[in-house]
C-alpha atoms as a PDB file:
ATOM      1  CA  MET A   1     -37.689 -27.453  25.142  1.00  0.00           C
ATOM      2  CA  ASN A   2     -35.486 -26.264  22.313  1.00  0.00           C
ATOM      3  CA  THR A   3     -33.314 -23.434  23.634  1.00  0.00           C
ATOM      4  CA  GLY A   4     -31.026 -23.064  20.565  1.00  0.00           C
ATOM      5  CA  ALA A   5     -30.294 -19.639  19.082  1.00  0.00           C
ATOM      6  CA  ARG A   6     -32.820 -18.390  16.531  1.00  0.00           C
ATOM      7  CA  ILE A   7     -31.409 -16.976  13.344  1.00  0.00           C
ATOM      8  CA  LYS A   8     -31.484 -13.242  13.206  1.00  0.00           C
ATOM      9  CA  PHE A   9     -31.673 -11.390   9.885  1.00  0.00           C
ATOM     10  CA  GLU A  10     -31.471  -7.958  11.486  1.00  0.00           C
ATOM     11  CA  VAL A  11     -29.001  -6.693  14.020  1.00  0.00           C
ATOM     12  CA  VAL A  12     -30.298  -6.078  17.523  1.00  0.00           C
ATOM     13  CA  PRO A  13     -28.451  -3.132  19.173  1.00  0.00           C
ATOM     14  CA  GLN A  14     -28.347  -4.952  22.526  1.00  0.00           C
ATOM     15  CA  ASP A  15     -26.417  -7.769  20.844  1.00  0.00           C
ATOM     16  CA  LEU A  16     -23.743  -5.374  19.712  1.00  0.00           C
ATOM     17  CA  ASP A  17     -23.390  -4.236  23.316  1.00  0.00           C
ATOM     18  CA  ILE A  18     -22.929  -7.877  24.339  1.00  0.00           C
ATOM     19  CA  LEU A  19     -20.233  -8.344  21.749  1.00  0.00           C
ATOM     20  CA  THR A  20     -18.374  -5.217  22.679  1.00  0.00           C
ATOM     21  CA  HIS A  21     -18.518  -6.254  26.370  1.00  0.00           C
ATOM     22  CA  ARG A  22     -17.069  -9.551  25.417  1.00  0.00           C
ATOM     23  CA  LEU A  23     -14.180  -7.890  23.627  1.00  0.00           C
ATOM     24  CA  LYS A  24     -13.288  -6.057  26.775  1.00  0.00           C
ATOM     25  CA  GLU A  25     -13.626  -9.116  28.889  1.00  0.00           C
ATOM     26  CA  LEU A  26     -11.101 -10.811  26.678  1.00  0.00           C
ATOM     27  CA  GLY A  27      -8.558  -8.018  27.161  1.00  0.00           C
ATOM     28  CA  CYS A  28      -9.337  -5.253  24.567  1.00  0.00           C
ATOM     29  CA  ARG A  29      -8.934  -1.798  25.981  1.00  0.00           C
ATOM     30  CA  GLU A  30     -11.150  -0.267  23.290  1.00  0.00           C
ATOM     31  CA  ALA A  31     -14.344  -1.929  21.982  1.00  0.00           C
ATOM     32  CA  THR A  32     -16.962  -0.279  19.816  1.00  0.00           C
ATOM     33  CA  THR A  33     -19.448  -0.890  17.078  1.00  0.00           C
ATOM     34  CA  VAL A  34     -18.896  -0.016  13.417  1.00  0.00           C
ATOM     35  CA  ARG A  35     -21.089   0.492  10.404  1.00  0.00           C
ATOM     36  CA  MET A  36     -19.739  -1.382   7.490  1.00  0.00           C
ATOM     37  CA  GLU A  37     -20.338   1.569   5.199  1.00  0.00           C
ATOM     38  CA  ASP A  38     -17.873   3.580   7.211  1.00  0.00           C
ATOM     39  CA  LEU A  39     -14.965   1.268   6.704  1.00  0.00           C
ATOM     40  CA  ARG A  40     -12.597   2.092   3.859  1.00  0.00           C
ATOM     41  CA  PHE A  41     -11.074  -0.343   1.419  1.00  0.00           C
ATOM     42  CA  ARG A  42      -7.658   0.827   0.258  1.00  0.00           C
ATOM     43  CA  GLU A  43      -5.284  -0.932  -2.117  1.00  0.00           C
ATOM     44  CA  SER A  44      -2.403   0.726  -0.282  1.00  0.00           C
ATOM     45  CA  THR A  45      -3.429  -1.108   2.947  1.00  0.00           C
ATOM     46  CA  ARG A  46      -3.180  -4.441   1.178  1.00  0.00           C
ATOM     47  CA  ARG A  47       0.055  -3.621  -0.536  1.00  0.00           C
ATOM     48  CA  LYS A  48       1.763  -3.204   2.758  1.00  0.00           C
ATOM     49  CA  CYS A  49       1.732  -6.956   2.912  1.00  0.00           C
ATOM     50  CA  GLU A  50       4.085  -6.879  -0.066  1.00  0.00           C
ATOM     51  CA  VAL A  51       6.196  -3.748   0.414  1.00  0.00           C
ATOM     52  CA  PRO A  52       8.325  -4.594   2.357  1.00  0.00           C
ATOM     53  CA  ASN A  53       7.477  -8.265   1.810  1.00  0.00           C
ATOM     54  CA  CYS A  54       6.021  -9.812   4.948  1.00  0.00           C
ATOM     55  CA  GLY A  55       7.379 -13.143   6.099  1.00  0.00           C
ATOM     56  CA  SER A  56       3.865 -14.562   5.956  1.00  0.00           C
ATOM     57  CA  TYR A  57       3.195 -13.511   2.386  1.00  0.00           C
ATOM     58  CA  GLY A  58       2.516 -16.706   0.370  1.00  0.00           C
ATOM     59  CA  ASN A  59       3.353 -18.888   3.418  1.00  0.00           C
ATOM     60  CA  THR A  60      -0.084 -19.027   4.995  1.00  0.00           C
ATOM     61  CA  PHE A  61      -3.509 -19.445   3.456  1.00  0.00           C
ATOM     62  CA  GLN A  62      -4.732 -16.436   5.572  1.00  0.00           C
ATOM     63  CA  CYS A  63      -2.446 -14.023   3.841  1.00  0.00           C
ATOM     64  CA  PRO A  64      -1.954 -12.780   0.203  1.00  0.00           C
ATOM     65  CA  PRO A  65      -2.015 -14.005  -2.431  1.00  0.00           C
ATOM     66  CA  TYR A  66      -4.475 -16.612  -1.075  1.00  0.00           C
ATOM     67  CA  THR A  67      -6.897 -14.088   0.498  1.00  0.00           C
ATOM     68  CA  PRO A  68      -9.565 -12.268  -1.454  1.00  0.00           C
ATOM     69  CA  SER A  69      -8.445  -9.076  -3.120  1.00  0.00           C
ATOM     70  CA  ARG A  70      -9.410  -5.613  -2.054  1.00  0.00           C
ATOM     71  CA  GLU A  71     -11.816  -5.470  -5.073  1.00  0.00           C
ATOM     72  CA  GLU A  72     -13.488  -8.771  -4.058  1.00  0.00           C
ATOM     73  CA  ALA A  73     -13.840  -7.748  -0.478  1.00  0.00           C
ATOM     74  CA  ALA A  74     -15.183  -4.321  -1.273  1.00  0.00           C
ATOM     75  CA  ALA A  75     -17.741  -5.861  -3.646  1.00  0.00           C
ATOM     76  CA  CYS A  76     -18.884  -8.556  -1.167  1.00  0.00           C
ATOM     77  CA  LEU A  77     -18.668  -7.363   2.387  1.00  0.00           C
ATOM     78  CA  PRO A  78     -20.596  -4.038   2.403  1.00  0.00           C
ATOM     79  CA  GLY A  79     -23.534  -5.704   0.783  1.00  0.00           C
ATOM     80  CA  ALA A  80     -23.620  -8.630   3.107  1.00  0.00           C
ATOM     81  CA  TYR A  81     -23.037  -6.876   6.427  1.00  0.00           C
ATOM     82  CA  GLU A  82     -24.312  -3.677   7.996  1.00  0.00           C
ATOM     83  CA  TYR A  83     -22.715  -3.721  11.439  1.00  0.00           C
ATOM     84  CA  GLY A  84     -19.696  -5.148  13.230  1.00  0.00           C
ATOM     85  CA  VAL A  85     -17.624  -4.705  16.398  1.00  0.00           C
ATOM     86  CA  ILE A  86     -14.051  -3.669  16.659  1.00  0.00           C
ATOM     87  CA  GLY A  87     -11.773  -4.326  19.615  1.00  0.00           C
ATOM     88  CA  VAL A  88      -8.245  -2.928  20.110  1.00  0.00           C
ATOM     89  CA  MET A  89      -5.595  -4.624  22.320  1.00  0.00           C
ATOM     90  CA  TYR A  90      -2.290  -2.884  23.040  1.00  0.00           C
ATOM     91  CA  SER A  91       1.163  -4.322  23.493  1.00  0.00           C
ATOM     92  CA  PRO A  92       3.259  -2.548  26.193  1.00  0.00           C
ATOM     93  CA  PRO A  93       5.341   0.514  25.140  1.00  0.00           C
ATOM     94  CA  ALA A  94       8.492  -0.410  23.187  1.00  0.00           C
ATOM     95  CA  GLU A  95       7.614  -4.154  22.923  1.00  0.00           C
ATOM     96  CA  MET A  96       7.250  -3.887  19.110  1.00  0.00           C
ATOM     97  CA  ALA A  97      10.405  -1.810  18.745  1.00  0.00           C
ATOM     98  CA  VAL A  98      13.698  -3.217  17.365  1.00  0.00           C
ATOM     99  CA  PRO A  99      15.743  -4.428  20.348  1.00  0.00           C
ATOM    100  CA  ARG A 100      18.833  -2.431  21.167  1.00  0.00           C
ATOM    101  CA  ASP A 101      20.971  -5.279  19.807  1.00  0.00           C
ATOM    102  CA  GLY A 102      19.271  -4.858  16.445  1.00  0.00           C
ATOM    103  CA  ASN A 103      17.869  -8.382  16.428  1.00  0.00           C
ATOM    104  CA  VAL A 104      14.695  -7.795  14.339  1.00  0.00           C
ATOM    105  CA  MET A 105      13.695 -11.482  14.813  1.00  0.00           C
ATOM    106  CA  LYS A 106      12.996 -10.902  18.518  1.00  0.00           C
ATOM    107  CA  MET A 107      10.585  -8.110  17.676  1.00  0.00           C
ATOM    108  CA  MET A 108       8.868 -10.158  14.996  1.00  0.00           C
ATOM    109  CA  GLU A 109       8.509 -13.063  17.407  1.00  0.00           C
ATOM    110  CA  ARG A 110       6.671 -10.806  19.876  1.00  0.00           C
ATOM    111  CA  ALA A 111       4.445  -9.597  17.022  1.00  0.00           C
ATOM    112  CA  GLY A 112       3.517 -13.216  16.297  1.00  0.00           C
ATOM    113  CA  SER A 113       2.640 -13.724  19.880  1.00  0.00           C
ATOM    114  CA  TRP A 114       0.242 -10.720  19.980  1.00  0.00           C
ATOM    115  CA  SER A 115      -1.225 -11.766  16.693  1.00  0.00           C
ATOM    116  CA  ALA A 116      -2.045 -15.097  18.159  1.00  0.00           C
ATOM    117  CA  ARG A 117      -3.716 -13.453  21.121  1.00  0.00           C
ATOM    118  CA  ILE A 118      -5.964 -11.251  18.997  1.00  0.00           C
ATOM    119  CA  SER A 119      -6.753 -14.176  16.697  1.00  0.00           C
ATOM    120  CA  SER A 120      -8.010 -16.149  19.664  1.00  0.00           C
ATOM    121  CA  ILE A 121     -10.243 -13.155  20.691  1.00  0.00           C
ATOM    122  CA  VAL A 122     -11.685 -12.952  17.196  1.00  0.00           C
ATOM    123  CA  SER A 123     -12.569 -16.595  17.218  1.00  0.00           C
ATOM    124  CA  LYS A 124     -14.336 -16.331  20.579  1.00  0.00           C
ATOM    125  CA  VAL A 125     -16.300 -13.218  19.785  1.00  0.00           C
ATOM    126  CA  GLU A 126     -17.291 -14.653  16.375  1.00  0.00           C
ATOM    127  CA  SER A 127     -18.543 -17.748  18.241  1.00  0.00           C
ATOM    128  CA  ARG A 128     -20.568 -15.615  20.616  1.00  0.00           C
ATOM    129  CA  ALA A 129     -22.081 -13.790  17.653  1.00  0.00           C
ATOM    130  CA  HIS A 130     -23.122 -17.233  16.270  1.00  0.00           C
ATOM    131  CA  GLU A 131     -24.721 -18.105  19.621  1.00  0.00           C
ATOM    132  CA  LEU A 132     -26.706 -14.846  19.469  1.00  0.00           C
ATOM    133  CA  GLY A 133     -28.250 -15.962  16.117  1.00  0.00           C
ATOM    134  CA  TYR A 134     -25.957 -14.250  13.560  1.00  0.00           C
ATOM    135  CA  TYR A 135     -25.249 -17.190  11.397  1.00  0.00           C
ATOM    136  CA  LYS A 136     -22.993 -15.456   8.970  1.00  0.00           C
ATOM    137  CA  ALA A 137     -20.785 -13.669  11.507  1.00  0.00           C
ATOM    138  CA  MET A 138     -17.260 -13.409  10.155  1.00  0.00           C
ATOM    139  CA  GLY A 139     -14.096 -12.383  12.012  1.00  0.00           C
ATOM    140  CA  PHE A 140     -10.787 -10.888  10.983  1.00  0.00           C
ATOM    141  CA  ASN A 141      -7.703 -10.463  13.056  1.00  0.00           C
ATOM    142  CA  CYS A 142      -4.586  -8.256  12.802  1.00  0.00           C
ATOM    143  CA  GLY A 143      -1.227  -9.690  11.645  1.00  0.00           C
ATOM    144  CA  PRO A 144      -0.253 -13.163  10.489  1.00  0.00           C
ATOM    145  CA  CYS A 145      -1.908 -16.491  11.277  1.00  0.00           C
ATOM    146  CA  THR A 146       0.517 -18.275  13.743  1.00  0.00           C
ATOM    147  CA  TRP A 147      -1.402 -21.491  14.424  1.00  0.00           C
ATOM    148  CA  CYS A 148       0.982 -23.615  12.493  1.00  0.00           C
ATOM    149  CA  GLY A 149       3.939 -22.345  14.491  1.00  0.00           C
ATOM    150  CA  MET A 150       4.950 -19.466  12.249  1.00  0.00           C
ATOM    151  CA  TRP A 151       6.557 -16.418  13.849  1.00  0.00           C
ATOM    152  CA  THR A 152       7.714 -18.252  16.906  1.00  0.00           C
ATOM    153  CA  ARG A 153      11.318 -18.343  18.215  1.00  0.00           C
ATOM    154  CA  ARG A 154      11.754 -21.843  16.805  1.00  0.00           C
ATOM    155  CA  TRP A 155      10.399 -20.749  13.460  1.00  0.00           C
ATOM    156  CA  PHE A 156      12.678 -17.739  13.188  1.00  0.00           C
ATOM    157  CA  ASP A 157      15.701 -19.800  14.323  1.00  0.00           C
ATOM    158  CA  GLY A 158      14.924 -22.313  11.532  1.00  0.00           C
ATOM    159  CA  PHE A 159      14.352 -19.573   8.995  1.00  0.00           C
ATOM    160  CA  ALA A 160      17.591 -17.882   9.819  1.00  0.00           C
ATOM    161  CA  THR A 161      19.598 -21.130   9.451  1.00  0.00           C
ATOM    162  CA  GLY A 162      17.921 -22.337   6.328  1.00  0.00           C
ATOM    163  CA  LYS A 163      16.190 -25.273   8.014  1.00  0.00           C
ATOM    164  CA  ASP A 164      12.732 -26.519   7.178  1.00  0.00           C
ATOM    165  CA  VAL A 165      10.113 -24.452   9.186  1.00  0.00           C
ATOM    166  CA  ALA A 166       6.515 -24.801  10.032  1.00  0.00           C
ATOM    167  CA  ALA A 167       4.240 -24.269   7.054  1.00  0.00           C
ATOM    168  CA  CYS A 168       0.514 -23.723   6.683  1.00  0.00           C
ATOM    169  CA  ALA A 169      -1.185 -27.037   6.681  1.00  0.00           C
ATOM    170  CA  LEU A 170      -3.929 -25.717   4.542  1.00  0.00           C
ATOM    171  CA  ILE A 171      -1.498 -24.959   1.718  1.00  0.00           C
ATOM    172  CA  ARG A 172       0.333 -28.220   2.126  1.00  0.00           C
ATOM    173  CA  SER A 173      -2.544 -30.674   2.494  1.00  0.00           C
ATOM    174  CA  GLY A 174      -5.769 -28.735   1.981  1.00  0.00           C
ATOM    175  CA  LEU A 175      -6.802 -29.171   5.676  1.00  0.00           C
ATOM    176  CA  CYS A 176      -6.417 -26.639   8.471  1.00  0.00           C
ATOM    177  CA  ARG A 177      -5.977 -28.204  11.812  1.00  0.00           C
ATOM    178  CA  LYS A 178      -6.916 -24.990  13.585  1.00  0.00           C
ATOM    179  CA  HIS A 179      -9.845 -23.888  11.306  1.00  0.00           C
ATOM    180  CA  ARG A 180     -11.854 -22.808  14.296  1.00  0.00           C
ATOM    181  CA  ARG A 181      -9.253 -20.287  15.277  1.00  0.00           C
ATOM    182  CA  SER A 182      -7.450 -19.372  12.121  1.00  0.00           C
ATOM    183  CA  ARG A 183      -8.742 -16.201  10.455  1.00  0.00           C
ATOM    184  CA  PRO A 184      -7.407 -13.833   7.833  1.00  0.00           C
ATOM    185  CA  SER A 185      -6.218 -10.361   8.719  1.00  0.00           C
ATOM    186  CA  ALA A 186      -8.241  -7.395   7.708  1.00  0.00           C
ATOM    187  CA  GLU A 187      -5.194  -5.757   6.036  1.00  0.00           C
ATOM    188  CA  PRO A 188      -4.952  -8.179   2.992  1.00  0.00           C
ATOM    189  CA  LEU A 189      -8.555  -7.303   2.183  1.00  0.00           C
ATOM    190  CA  GLY A 190      -7.695  -3.646   2.094  1.00  0.00           C
ATOM    191  CA  ILE A 191      -9.734  -2.805   5.225  1.00  0.00           C
ATOM    192  CA  ASP A 192      -8.169   0.296   6.798  1.00  0.00           C
ATOM    193  CA  ILE A 193      -9.161  -0.186  10.395  1.00  0.00           C
ATOM    194  CA  ALA A 194      -6.432   2.131  11.705  1.00  0.00           C
ATOM    195  CA  ALA A 195      -7.847   5.077   9.748  1.00  0.00           C
ATOM    196  CA  TRP A 196     -11.343   4.390  11.090  1.00  0.00           C
ATOM    197  CA  LEU A 197     -10.018   4.342  14.693  1.00  0.00           C
ATOM    198  CA  ARG A 198      -7.911   7.427  14.333  1.00  0.00           C
ATOM    199  CA  GLU A 199     -10.822   9.407  12.899  1.00  0.00           C
ATOM    200  CA  ARG A 200     -12.649   8.661  16.115  1.00  0.00           C
ATOM    201  CA  GLY A 201      -9.828   9.276  18.539  1.00  0.00           C
ATOM    202  CA  LEU A 202      -9.618   5.660  19.547  1.00  0.00           C
ATOM    203  CA  ILE A 203      -5.854   5.227  18.850  1.00  0.00           C
ATOM    204  CA  THR A 204      -3.069   7.813  18.794  1.00  0.00           C
ATOM    205  CA  ASP A 205      -1.276   9.260  15.820  1.00  0.00           C
ATOM    206  CA  GLU A 206       2.106   8.092  17.050  1.00  0.00           C
ATOM    207  CA  LEU A 207       4.259   6.144  14.709  1.00  0.00           C
ATOM    208  CA  ILE A 208       4.061   2.451  15.495  1.00  0.00           C
ATOM    209  CA  PHE A 209       5.391  -1.004  14.219  1.00  0.00           C
ATOM    210  CA  PRO A 210       7.254  -2.071  12.251  1.00  0.00           C
ATOM    211  CA  GLU A 211      10.975  -1.504  12.707  1.00  0.00           C
ATOM    212  CA  ILE A 212      11.255   1.731  14.609  1.00  0.00           C
ATOM    213  CA  SER A 213      13.829   2.635  17.242  1.00  0.00           C
ATOM    214  CA  PHE A 214      13.485   1.611  20.880  1.00  0.00           C
ATOM    215  CA  GLU A 215      13.508   5.229  21.927  1.00  0.00           C
ATOM    216  CA  CYS A 216      10.474   6.372  19.957  1.00  0.00           C
ATOM    217  CA  ALA A 217       8.363   3.263  20.131  1.00  0.00           C
ATOM    218  CA  ALA A 218       4.830   3.624  21.631  1.00  0.00           C
ATOM    219  CA  GLU A 219       2.194   1.100  22.432  1.00  0.00           C
ATOM    220  CA  CYS A 220       1.227  -0.971  19.405  1.00  0.00           C
ATOM    221  CA  PRO A 221      -2.448  -1.626  18.719  1.00  0.00           C
ATOM    222  CA  PHE A 222      -3.746  -5.033  17.497  1.00  0.00           C
ATOM    223  CA  TYR A 223      -7.230  -5.146  16.129  1.00  0.00           C
ATOM    224  CA  ALA A 224     -10.103  -7.478  16.173  1.00  0.00           C
ATOM    225  CA  LEU A 225     -12.990  -7.106  13.659  1.00  0.00           C
ATOM    226  CA  VAL A 226     -16.170  -9.227  13.743  1.00  0.00           C
ATOM    227  CA  LEU A 227     -18.998  -8.546  11.248  1.00  0.00           C
ATOM    228  CA  VAL A 228     -22.404  -9.671  12.342  1.00  0.00           C
ATOM    229  CA  GLY A 229     -24.948  -8.814   9.687  1.00  0.00           C
END
């Protein structure tokens, strides 16, 4: 007997519960549903990729200028999706602060590690949504794509000494070796997830990453967003 998932064209509330539960199973402290119409698309959110210039800008296909623009995302996503789920994972206090020795690379390496964790969560929850029948489920992570080795200790050491460093395979050869895991961030699309979470009291108003002192650094949230239909 065929036991494959049947395509669903309308979202079943119980399925959203399944996906939020999966987010928590994978390590998210907060997990909730979201209506697409409540998410804000802001150009200022996208521009933070450029000012100050992020090390991933132009170096991975999952970051600007390769990702869709805010205008393109705002024109496409709200009409294609009605619901999604958001998960929030937190780094420990002060982990995203500049170390006392001033070595920013150490902090950025840790940020890359957390981005990889949330990217893996996005991939797994998106796959679970597909299993439930949502054929157009689409996930977005928080921070850079690190699957080609970017934002690791070796990458930063090479970057600092002018050596050749890992580069996005999709840009170099048109083929992503980690296409099942690699996802763009929500920020380059202009999706202001932080504002949505703060309005609902799901994250604090404390100043967070990047480049703040060790003494005032709080926990840093990393977001997972999966749209289901």
